[in-house]
Amino acid sequence: MLQIGDLAPDFSLKTTTGDTFQLSDYRGKRSIVLYFYPKDDTPGCTAEACSFRDQYEDFQELGAEVVGVSSDSETSHQKFTQKHRLPFPLLADTGGRVRKQYEVPRALLGLLPGRVTFVIDAEGRIQYIFNSMNRATDHVSEAKQVLTKLRATT
């Protein structure tokens, strides 16, 4: 299992714009809030994404980029991004490869992909892992608290 202090597994996936997001491109530059969510346009996932959107400037000021990952297609992500005016990339992990790399468990008796957020510092190390299906918007506040503490110690 991945733990606090581990080097975050590198990966590359397509974004909503068709570009490729490569985690290692951010190493030495910015922290990453990498959040895995079950499905575009469901109530909990929409609340989570919109909460990240509404506080996106705070994350930017804390030196972090927000990145969402689900198994939905690039087309689904494009629609979701446009509908809710999301300023951060959503990544299409259609085969679930990155979800497996990050050991994100399935939820609700294995029927749904899980909801897990990783805070990865600028050196590429995992600083925090938050796993909760039901507390979707808490992923945002938890990540902000961790980034605030990281900033205070550097």
N, C-alpha and C. Protein backbone atom coordinates (compact mmCIF):
# COMPACT_ATOMS: atom_id res chain seq x y z
N MET A 1 0.83 -1.19 0.00
CA MET A 1 0.00 0.00 0.00
C MET A 1 0.87 1.25 0.00
N LEU A 2 0.46 2.25 -0.73
CA LEU A 2 1.16 3.52 -0.73
C LEU A 2 0.99 4.19 0.63
N GLN A 3 2.06 4.86 1.07
CA GLN A 3 2.03 5.49 2.38
C GLN A 3 2.60 6.90 2.31
N ILE A 4 2.35 7.66 3.34
CA ILE A 4 2.91 9.00 3.47
C ILE A 4 4.44 8.88 3.38
N GLY A 5 5.04 9.74 2.59
CA GLY A 5 6.49 9.73 2.41
C GLY A 5 6.96 8.96 1.18
N ASP A 6 6.09 8.11 0.63
CA ASP A 6 6.45 7.38 -0.59
C ASP A 6 6.53 8.34 -1.78
N LEU A 7 7.39 8.00 -2.72
CA LEU A 7 7.43 8.74 -3.98
C LEU A 7 6.16 8.38 -4.76
N ALA A 8 5.44 9.39 -5.19
CA ALA A 8 4.20 9.14 -5.93
C ALA A 8 4.53 8.47 -7.26
N PRO A 9 3.82 7.41 -7.62
CA PRO A 9 4.07 6.75 -8.90
C PRO A 9 3.85 7.72 -10.06
N ASP A 10 4.81 7.74 -10.99
CA ASP A 10 4.68 8.61 -12.16
C ASP A 10 3.69 7.99 -13.14
N PHE A 11 3.04 8.84 -13.90
CA PHE A 11 2.09 8.38 -14.91
C PHE A 11 1.86 9.50 -15.91
N SER A 12 1.28 9.15 -17.03
CA SER A 12 0.82 10.16 -17.99
C SER A 12 -0.55 9.72 -18.51
N LEU A 13 -1.45 10.70 -18.61
CA LEU A 13 -2.80 10.48 -19.10
C LEU A 13 -3.24 11.68 -19.91
N LYS A 14 -4.21 11.47 -20.79
CA LYS A 14 -4.78 12.55 -21.59
C LYS A 14 -5.69 13.43 -20.73
N THR A 15 -5.67 14.74 -21.04
CA THR A 15 -6.52 15.70 -20.34
C THR A 15 -7.75 16.02 -21.19
N THR A 16 -8.59 16.88 -20.65
CA THR A 16 -9.79 17.31 -21.37
C THR A 16 -9.46 18.08 -22.64
N THR A 17 -8.26 18.64 -22.73
CA THR A 17 -7.87 19.41 -23.92
C THR A 17 -7.13 18.55 -24.93
N GLY A 18 -6.91 17.28 -24.60
CA GLY A 18 -6.18 16.39 -25.50
C GLY A 18 -4.68 16.39 -25.24
N ASP A 19 -4.24 17.28 -24.35
CA ASP A 19 -2.82 17.29 -23.96
C ASP A 19 -2.53 16.09 -23.08
N THR A 20 -1.27 15.84 -22.84
CA THR A 20 -0.87 14.77 -21.94
C THR A 20 -0.39 15.38 -20.63
N PHE A 21 -0.93 14.90 -19.52
CA PHE A 21 -0.48 15.29 -18.20
C PHE A 21 0.51 14.25 -17.73
N GLN A 22 1.72 14.67 -17.39
CA GLN A 22 2.76 13.78 -16.86
C GLN A 22 3.10 14.27 -15.47
N LEU A 23 2.90 13.44 -14.46
CA LEU A 23 3.13 13.86 -13.07
C LEU A 23 4.55 14.36 -12.87
N SER A 24 5.52 13.67 -13.42
CA SER A 24 6.92 14.04 -13.19
C SER A 24 7.27 15.42 -13.74
N ASP A 25 6.47 15.96 -14.66
CA ASP A 25 6.71 17.31 -15.17
C ASP A 25 6.58 18.37 -14.08
N TYR A 26 5.90 18.05 -12.99
CA TYR A 26 5.67 19.00 -11.91
C TYR A 26 6.70 18.88 -10.79
N ARG A 27 7.50 17.82 -10.83
CA ARG A 27 8.48 17.59 -9.78
C ARG A 27 9.46 18.75 -9.72
N GLY A 28 9.67 19.25 -8.52
CA GLY A 28 10.57 20.38 -8.31
C GLY A 28 9.91 21.72 -8.59
N LYS A 29 8.62 21.70 -8.99
CA LYS A 29 7.94 22.94 -9.35
C LYS A 29 6.71 23.23 -8.48
N ARG A 30 5.79 22.29 -8.44
CA ARG A 30 4.51 22.52 -7.75
C ARG A 30 4.06 21.25 -7.03
N SER A 31 3.27 21.47 -6.00
CA SER A 31 2.58 20.35 -5.36
C SER A 31 1.39 19.98 -6.25
N ILE A 32 0.90 18.77 -6.05
CA ILE A 32 -0.25 18.28 -6.81
C ILE A 32 -1.29 17.75 -5.83
N VAL A 33 -2.54 18.15 -6.04
CA VAL A 33 -3.66 17.52 -5.34
C VAL A 33 -4.30 16.62 -6.38
N LEU A 34 -4.04 15.33 -6.23
CA LEU A 34 -4.51 14.33 -7.18
C LEU A 34 -5.72 13.64 -6.57
N TYR A 35 -6.89 13.90 -7.16
CA TYR A 35 -8.07 13.29 -6.57
C TYR A 35 -8.73 12.34 -7.56
N PHE A 36 -8.98 11.14 -7.06
CA PHE A 36 -9.68 10.10 -7.82
C PHE A 36 -11.14 10.14 -7.41
N TYR A 37 -12.02 10.10 -8.39
CA TYR A 37 -13.45 10.16 -8.10
C TYR A 37 -14.16 9.14 -8.98
N PRO A 38 -15.37 8.72 -8.57
CA PRO A 38 -16.06 7.64 -9.29
C PRO A 38 -16.55 7.98 -10.69
N LYS A 39 -17.28 9.10 -10.87
CA LYS A 39 -17.94 9.30 -12.16
C LYS A 39 -18.36 10.76 -12.36
N ASP A 40 -18.16 11.23 -13.59
CA ASP A 40 -18.58 12.59 -13.95
C ASP A 40 -20.10 12.74 -13.76
N ASP A 41 -20.48 13.94 -13.32
CA ASP A 41 -21.88 14.38 -13.25
C ASP A 41 -22.77 13.59 -12.30
N THR A 42 -22.19 12.93 -11.32
CA THR A 42 -22.99 12.33 -10.25
C THR A 42 -23.01 13.33 -9.10
N PRO A 43 -23.98 13.26 -8.21
CA PRO A 43 -24.10 14.30 -7.17
C PRO A 43 -22.84 14.52 -6.33
N GLY A 44 -22.27 13.47 -5.78
CA GLY A 44 -21.08 13.63 -4.94
C GLY A 44 -19.88 14.12 -5.72
N CYS A 45 -19.70 13.60 -6.91
CA CYS A 45 -18.55 13.99 -7.74
C CYS A 45 -18.68 15.42 -8.23
N THR A 46 -19.89 15.84 -8.52
CA THR A 46 -20.12 17.22 -8.94
C THR A 46 -19.85 18.17 -7.77
N ALA A 47 -20.34 17.83 -6.58
CA ALA A 47 -20.10 18.66 -5.40
C ALA A 47 -18.60 18.78 -5.13
N GLU A 48 -17.88 17.68 -5.25
CA GLU A 48 -16.43 17.69 -5.02
C GLU A 48 -15.73 18.57 -6.05
N ALA A 49 -16.02 18.35 -7.32
CA ALA A 49 -15.37 19.11 -8.39
C ALA A 49 -15.67 20.60 -8.26
N CYS A 50 -16.92 20.94 -7.95
CA CYS A 50 -17.29 22.36 -7.82
C CYS A 50 -16.65 22.99 -6.59
N SER A 51 -16.44 22.21 -5.54
CA SER A 51 -15.75 22.72 -4.36
C SER A 51 -14.28 22.99 -4.68
N PHE A 52 -13.65 22.08 -5.42
CA PHE A 52 -12.28 22.33 -5.88
C PHE A 52 -12.25 23.57 -6.77
N ARG A 53 -13.24 23.71 -7.65
CA ARG A 53 -13.32 24.87 -8.54
C ARG A 53 -13.43 26.16 -7.74
N ASP A 54 -14.33 26.17 -6.76
CA ASP A 54 -14.59 27.38 -5.99
C ASP A 54 -13.39 27.81 -5.14
N GLN A 55 -12.52 26.87 -4.83
CA GLN A 55 -11.34 27.17 -4.01
C GLN A 55 -10.04 27.03 -4.80
N TYR A 56 -10.16 26.94 -6.10
CA TYR A 56 -9.00 26.72 -6.97
C TYR A 56 -7.93 27.79 -6.78
N GLU A 57 -8.33 29.05 -6.67
CA GLU A 57 -7.34 30.12 -6.48
C GLU A 57 -6.56 29.93 -5.19
N ASP A 58 -7.22 29.43 -4.15
CA ASP A 58 -6.52 29.14 -2.89
C ASP A 58 -5.43 28.09 -3.12
N PHE A 59 -5.76 27.05 -3.88
CA PHE A 59 -4.78 26.00 -4.17
C PHE A 59 -3.61 26.57 -4.97
N GLN A 60 -3.91 27.43 -5.93
CA GLN A 60 -2.85 28.05 -6.73
C GLN A 60 -1.93 28.88 -5.84
N GLU A 61 -2.52 29.65 -4.92
CA GLU A 61 -1.73 30.46 -4.00
C GLU A 61 -0.87 29.61 -3.07
N LEU A 62 -1.33 28.40 -2.80
CA LEU A 62 -0.57 27.47 -1.96
C LEU A 62 0.46 26.69 -2.77
N GLY A 63 0.60 27.02 -4.05
CA GLY A 63 1.60 26.38 -4.90
C GLY A 63 1.22 25.01 -5.40
N ALA A 64 -0.08 24.76 -5.53
CA ALA A 64 -0.54 23.43 -5.93
C ALA A 64 -1.42 23.48 -7.17
N GLU A 65 -1.35 22.42 -7.93
CA GLU A 65 -2.25 22.19 -9.05
C GLU A 65 -3.22 21.09 -8.65
N VAL A 66 -4.49 21.27 -8.97
CA VAL A 66 -5.52 20.27 -8.72
C VAL A 66 -5.70 19.46 -9.99
N VAL A 67 -5.80 18.13 -9.82
CA VAL A 67 -5.98 17.23 -10.96
C VAL A 67 -6.97 16.15 -10.57
N GLY A 68 -8.04 16.00 -11.36
CA GLY A 68 -9.03 14.97 -11.10
C GLY A 68 -8.85 13.79 -12.04
N VAL A 69 -9.11 12.58 -11.53
CA VAL A 69 -8.95 11.36 -12.32
C VAL A 69 -10.17 10.46 -12.14
N SER A 70 -10.74 10.02 -13.24
CA SER A 70 -11.77 8.97 -13.19
C SER A 70 -11.64 8.12 -14.45
N SER A 71 -12.43 7.09 -14.51
CA SER A 71 -12.37 6.19 -15.66
C SER A 71 -13.25 6.67 -16.81
N ASP A 72 -13.89 7.83 -16.64
CA ASP A 72 -14.70 8.39 -17.72
C ASP A 72 -13.82 8.77 -18.92
N SER A 73 -14.43 8.87 -20.07
CA SER A 73 -13.72 9.20 -21.31
C SER A 73 -13.34 10.68 -21.36
N GLU A 74 -12.45 11.01 -22.29
CA GLU A 74 -12.09 12.41 -22.51
C GLU A 74 -13.33 13.23 -22.88
N THR A 75 -14.21 12.67 -23.68
CA THR A 75 -15.43 13.37 -24.09
C THR A 75 -16.32 13.66 -22.88
N SER A 76 -16.49 12.69 -22.01
CA SER A 76 -17.27 12.89 -20.79
C SER A 76 -16.64 13.99 -19.93
N HIS A 77 -15.32 13.93 -19.79
CA HIS A 77 -14.61 14.96 -19.01
C HIS A 77 -14.78 16.35 -19.62
N GLN A 78 -14.75 16.42 -20.94
CA GLN A 78 -14.92 17.72 -21.61
C GLN A 78 -16.29 18.31 -21.29
N LYS A 79 -17.32 17.50 -21.36
CA LYS A 79 -18.68 17.96 -21.06
C LYS A 79 -18.81 18.39 -19.60
N PHE A 80 -18.25 17.58 -18.71
CA PHE A 80 -18.30 17.86 -17.28
C PHE A 80 -17.55 19.16 -16.97
N THR A 81 -16.39 19.33 -17.57
CA THR A 81 -15.57 20.54 -17.38
C THR A 81 -16.31 21.78 -17.87
N GLN A 82 -16.89 21.69 -19.05
CA GLN A 82 -17.61 22.84 -19.61
C GLN A 82 -18.86 23.18 -18.80
N LYS A 83 -19.61 22.17 -18.43
CA LYS A 83 -20.86 22.37 -17.70
C LYS A 83 -20.63 23.08 -16.37
N HIS A 84 -19.52 22.72 -15.70
CA HIS A 84 -19.27 23.25 -14.36
C HIS A 84 -18.10 24.24 -14.31
N ARG A 85 -17.59 24.62 -15.50
CA ARG A 85 -16.51 25.61 -15.60
C ARG A 85 -15.32 25.24 -14.70
N LEU A 86 -14.83 24.04 -14.85
CA LEU A 86 -13.71 23.58 -14.03
C LEU A 86 -12.40 24.12 -14.59
N PRO A 87 -11.59 24.78 -13.77
CA PRO A 87 -10.34 25.39 -14.24
C PRO A 87 -9.13 24.46 -14.19
N PHE A 88 -9.32 23.25 -13.77
CA PHE A 88 -8.22 22.29 -13.62
C PHE A 88 -8.45 21.08 -14.53
N PRO A 89 -7.39 20.35 -14.82
CA PRO A 89 -7.54 19.21 -15.73
C PRO A 89 -8.22 18.00 -15.09
N LEU A 90 -8.99 17.32 -15.90
CA LEU A 90 -9.53 16.01 -15.56
C LEU A 90 -8.84 15.01 -16.47
N LEU A 91 -8.44 13.90 -15.91
CA LEU A 91 -7.68 12.90 -16.66
C LEU A 91 -8.52 11.65 -16.87
N ALA A 92 -8.45 11.13 -18.08
CA ALA A 92 -9.21 9.94 -18.47
C ALA A 92 -8.38 8.68 -18.25
N ASP A 93 -8.65 7.99 -17.15
CA ASP A 93 -7.98 6.74 -16.81
C ASP A 93 -8.92 5.59 -17.18
N THR A 94 -9.24 5.48 -18.47
CA THR A 94 -10.28 4.57 -18.93
C THR A 94 -10.00 3.11 -18.62
N GLY A 95 -8.76 2.72 -18.59
CA GLY A 95 -8.44 1.33 -18.27
C GLY A 95 -8.19 1.10 -16.79
N GLY A 96 -8.17 2.17 -15.99
CA GLY A 96 -7.95 2.03 -14.55
C GLY A 96 -6.51 1.78 -14.15
N ARG A 97 -5.58 1.97 -15.08
CA ARG A 97 -4.16 1.70 -14.80
C ARG A 97 -3.62 2.56 -13.66
N VAL A 98 -3.90 3.87 -13.71
CA VAL A 98 -3.36 4.78 -12.70
C VAL A 98 -4.06 4.55 -11.36
N ARG A 99 -5.35 4.28 -11.41
CA ARG A 99 -6.09 3.94 -10.18
C ARG A 99 -5.44 2.73 -9.50
N LYS A 100 -5.03 1.76 -10.28
CA LYS A 100 -4.35 0.58 -9.71
C LYS A 100 -2.98 0.95 -9.16
N GLN A 101 -2.23 1.80 -9.90
CA GLN A 101 -0.92 2.25 -9.42
C GLN A 101 -1.03 2.90 -8.05
N TYR A 102 -2.09 3.66 -7.86
CA TYR A 102 -2.28 4.39 -6.61
C TYR A 102 -3.09 3.60 -5.58
N GLU A 103 -3.41 2.36 -5.93
CA GLU A 103 -4.07 1.43 -5.02
C GLU A 103 -5.37 2.02 -4.46
N VAL A 104 -6.13 2.69 -5.32
CA VAL A 104 -7.40 3.27 -4.90
C VAL A 104 -8.43 2.14 -4.84
N PRO A 105 -8.97 1.89 -3.65
CA PRO A 105 -9.91 0.76 -3.52
C PRO A 105 -11.27 1.06 -4.14
N ARG A 106 -11.98 0.01 -4.43
CA ARG A 106 -13.36 0.14 -4.90
C ARG A 106 -14.24 0.36 -3.68
N ALA A 107 -15.41 0.93 -3.90
CA ALA A 107 -16.31 1.25 -2.79
C ALA A 107 -17.67 0.60 -3.00
N LEU A 108 -18.50 0.71 -1.99
CA LEU A 108 -19.87 0.18 -2.03
C LEU A 108 -19.91 -1.25 -2.56
N LEU A 109 -19.33 -2.14 -1.79
CA LEU A 109 -19.29 -3.57 -2.11
C LEU A 109 -18.57 -3.84 -3.43
N GLY A 110 -17.61 -3.00 -3.77
CA GLY A 110 -16.84 -3.19 -5.00
C GLY A 110 -17.54 -2.76 -6.27
N LEU A 111 -18.69 -2.10 -6.14
CA LEU A 111 -19.46 -1.70 -7.32
C LEU A 111 -18.99 -0.40 -7.95
N LEU A 112 -18.43 0.50 -7.17
CA LEU A 112 -18.00 1.80 -7.68
C LEU A 112 -16.51 2.02 -7.46
N PRO A 113 -15.88 2.76 -8.37
CA PRO A 113 -14.51 3.17 -8.09
C PRO A 113 -14.51 4.07 -6.85
N GLY A 114 -13.45 4.00 -6.05
CA GLY A 114 -13.38 4.77 -4.82
C GLY A 114 -13.07 6.24 -5.03
N ARG A 115 -13.17 7.00 -3.93
CA ARG A 115 -12.88 8.43 -3.91
C ARG A 115 -11.71 8.62 -2.94
N VAL A 116 -10.54 8.93 -3.49
CA VAL A 116 -9.34 9.10 -2.68
C VAL A 116 -8.56 10.30 -3.20
N THR A 117 -8.06 11.12 -2.27
CA THR A 117 -7.26 12.28 -2.63
C THR A 117 -5.86 12.12 -2.08
N PHE A 118 -4.87 12.41 -2.92
CA PHE A 118 -3.47 12.39 -2.54
C PHE A 118 -2.93 13.81 -2.65
N VAL A 119 -2.23 14.26 -1.61
CA VAL A 119 -1.49 15.52 -1.68
C VAL A 119 -0.04 15.12 -1.87
N ILE A 120 0.51 15.57 -3.00
CA ILE A 120 1.88 15.23 -3.39
C ILE A 120 2.69 16.51 -3.38
N ASP A 121 3.79 16.52 -2.63
CA ASP A 121 4.57 17.76 -2.53
C ASP A 121 5.39 17.98 -3.81
N ALA A 122 6.05 19.12 -3.87
CA ALA A 122 6.79 19.50 -5.08
C ALA A 122 7.95 18.56 -5.37
N GLU A 123 8.38 17.79 -4.39
CA GLU A 123 9.45 16.82 -4.61
C GLU A 123 8.90 15.47 -5.07
N GLY A 124 7.58 15.37 -5.17
CA GLY A 124 6.96 14.14 -5.66
C GLY A 124 6.62 13.13 -4.58
N ARG A 125 6.69 13.55 -3.32
CA ARG A 125 6.39 12.63 -2.21
C ARG A 125 4.95 12.81 -1.74
N ILE A 126 4.32 11.69 -1.43
CA ILE A 126 2.96 11.71 -0.91
C ILE A 126 3.00 12.25 0.52
N GLN A 127 2.24 13.32 0.76
CA GLN A 127 2.18 13.95 2.07
C GLN A 127 0.88 13.66 2.81
N TYR A 128 -0.12 13.23 2.07
CA TYR A 128 -1.42 12.99 2.70
C TYR A 128 -2.27 12.12 1.79
N ILE A 129 -3.06 11.24 2.40
CA ILE A 129 -4.00 10.39 1.68
C ILE A 129 -5.34 10.47 2.42
N PHE A 130 -6.38 10.82 1.71
CA PHE A 130 -7.72 10.92 2.31
C PHE A 130 -8.67 10.05 1.51
N ASN A 131 -9.30 9.09 2.18
CA ASN A 131 -10.18 8.12 1.53
C ASN A 131 -11.56 8.21 2.17
N SER A 132 -12.53 8.74 1.42
CA SER A 132 -13.90 8.81 1.92
C SER A 132 -14.86 8.95 0.75
N MET A 133 -15.77 8.02 0.61
CA MET A 133 -16.79 8.11 -0.44
C MET A 133 -17.85 9.14 -0.10
N ASN A 134 -18.23 9.20 1.17
CA ASN A 134 -19.38 10.00 1.57
C ASN A 134 -19.06 11.46 1.88
N ARG A 135 -17.84 11.77 2.14
CA ARG A 135 -17.46 13.14 2.52
C ARG A 135 -16.73 13.81 1.36
N ALA A 136 -17.41 13.91 0.23
CA ALA A 136 -16.79 14.37 -1.01
C ALA A 136 -16.14 15.74 -0.88
N THR A 137 -16.82 16.69 -0.29
CA THR A 137 -16.24 18.04 -0.21
C THR A 137 -15.17 18.15 0.87
N ASP A 138 -15.13 17.20 1.80
CA ASP A 138 -14.06 17.21 2.80
C ASP A 138 -12.70 16.97 2.16
N HIS A 139 -12.68 16.34 0.98
CA HIS A 139 -11.41 16.12 0.28
C HIS A 139 -10.74 17.47 0.01
N VAL A 140 -11.54 18.47 -0.29
CA VAL A 140 -11.04 19.80 -0.61
C VAL A 140 -10.47 20.47 0.63
N SER A 141 -11.23 20.49 1.71
CA SER A 141 -10.77 21.15 2.93
C SER A 141 -9.57 20.44 3.53
N GLU A 142 -9.56 19.12 3.49
CA GLU A 142 -8.42 18.35 4.01
C GLU A 142 -7.15 18.67 3.22
N ALA A 143 -7.27 18.69 1.90
CA ALA A 143 -6.10 18.98 1.05
C ALA A 143 -5.56 20.39 1.32
N LYS A 144 -6.46 21.36 1.47
CA LYS A 144 -6.03 22.73 1.76
C LYS A 144 -5.30 22.82 3.09
N GLN A 145 -5.79 22.12 4.10
CA GLN A 145 -5.13 22.14 5.40
C GLN A 145 -3.71 21.58 5.30
N VAL A 146 -3.57 20.49 4.59
CA VAL A 146 -2.25 19.87 4.43
C VAL A 146 -1.29 20.81 3.69
N LEU A 147 -1.76 21.41 2.62
CA LEU A 147 -0.92 22.33 1.86
C LEU A 147 -0.53 23.56 2.67
N THR A 148 -1.45 24.03 3.48
CA THR A 148 -1.17 25.18 4.35
C THR A 148 -0.06 24.81 5.34
N LYS A 149 -0.14 23.62 5.94
CA LYS A 149 0.90 23.17 6.86
C LYS A 149 2.24 22.98 6.15
N LEU A 150 2.20 22.40 4.94
CA LEU A 150 3.44 22.21 4.18
C LEU A 150 4.10 23.56 3.89
N ARG A 151 3.29 24.53 3.50
CA ARG A 151 3.82 25.84 3.19
C ARG A 151 4.46 26.49 4.42
N ALA A 152 3.87 26.28 5.59
CA ALA A 152 4.38 26.87 6.83
C ALA A 152 5.73 26.26 7.23
N THR A 153 5.97 25.01 6.81
CA THR A 153 7.22 24.34 7.20
C THR A 153 8.34 24.52 6.18
N THR A 154 8.05 25.10 5.03
CA THR A 154 9.10 25.27 4.02
C THR A 154 9.53 26.71 3.89
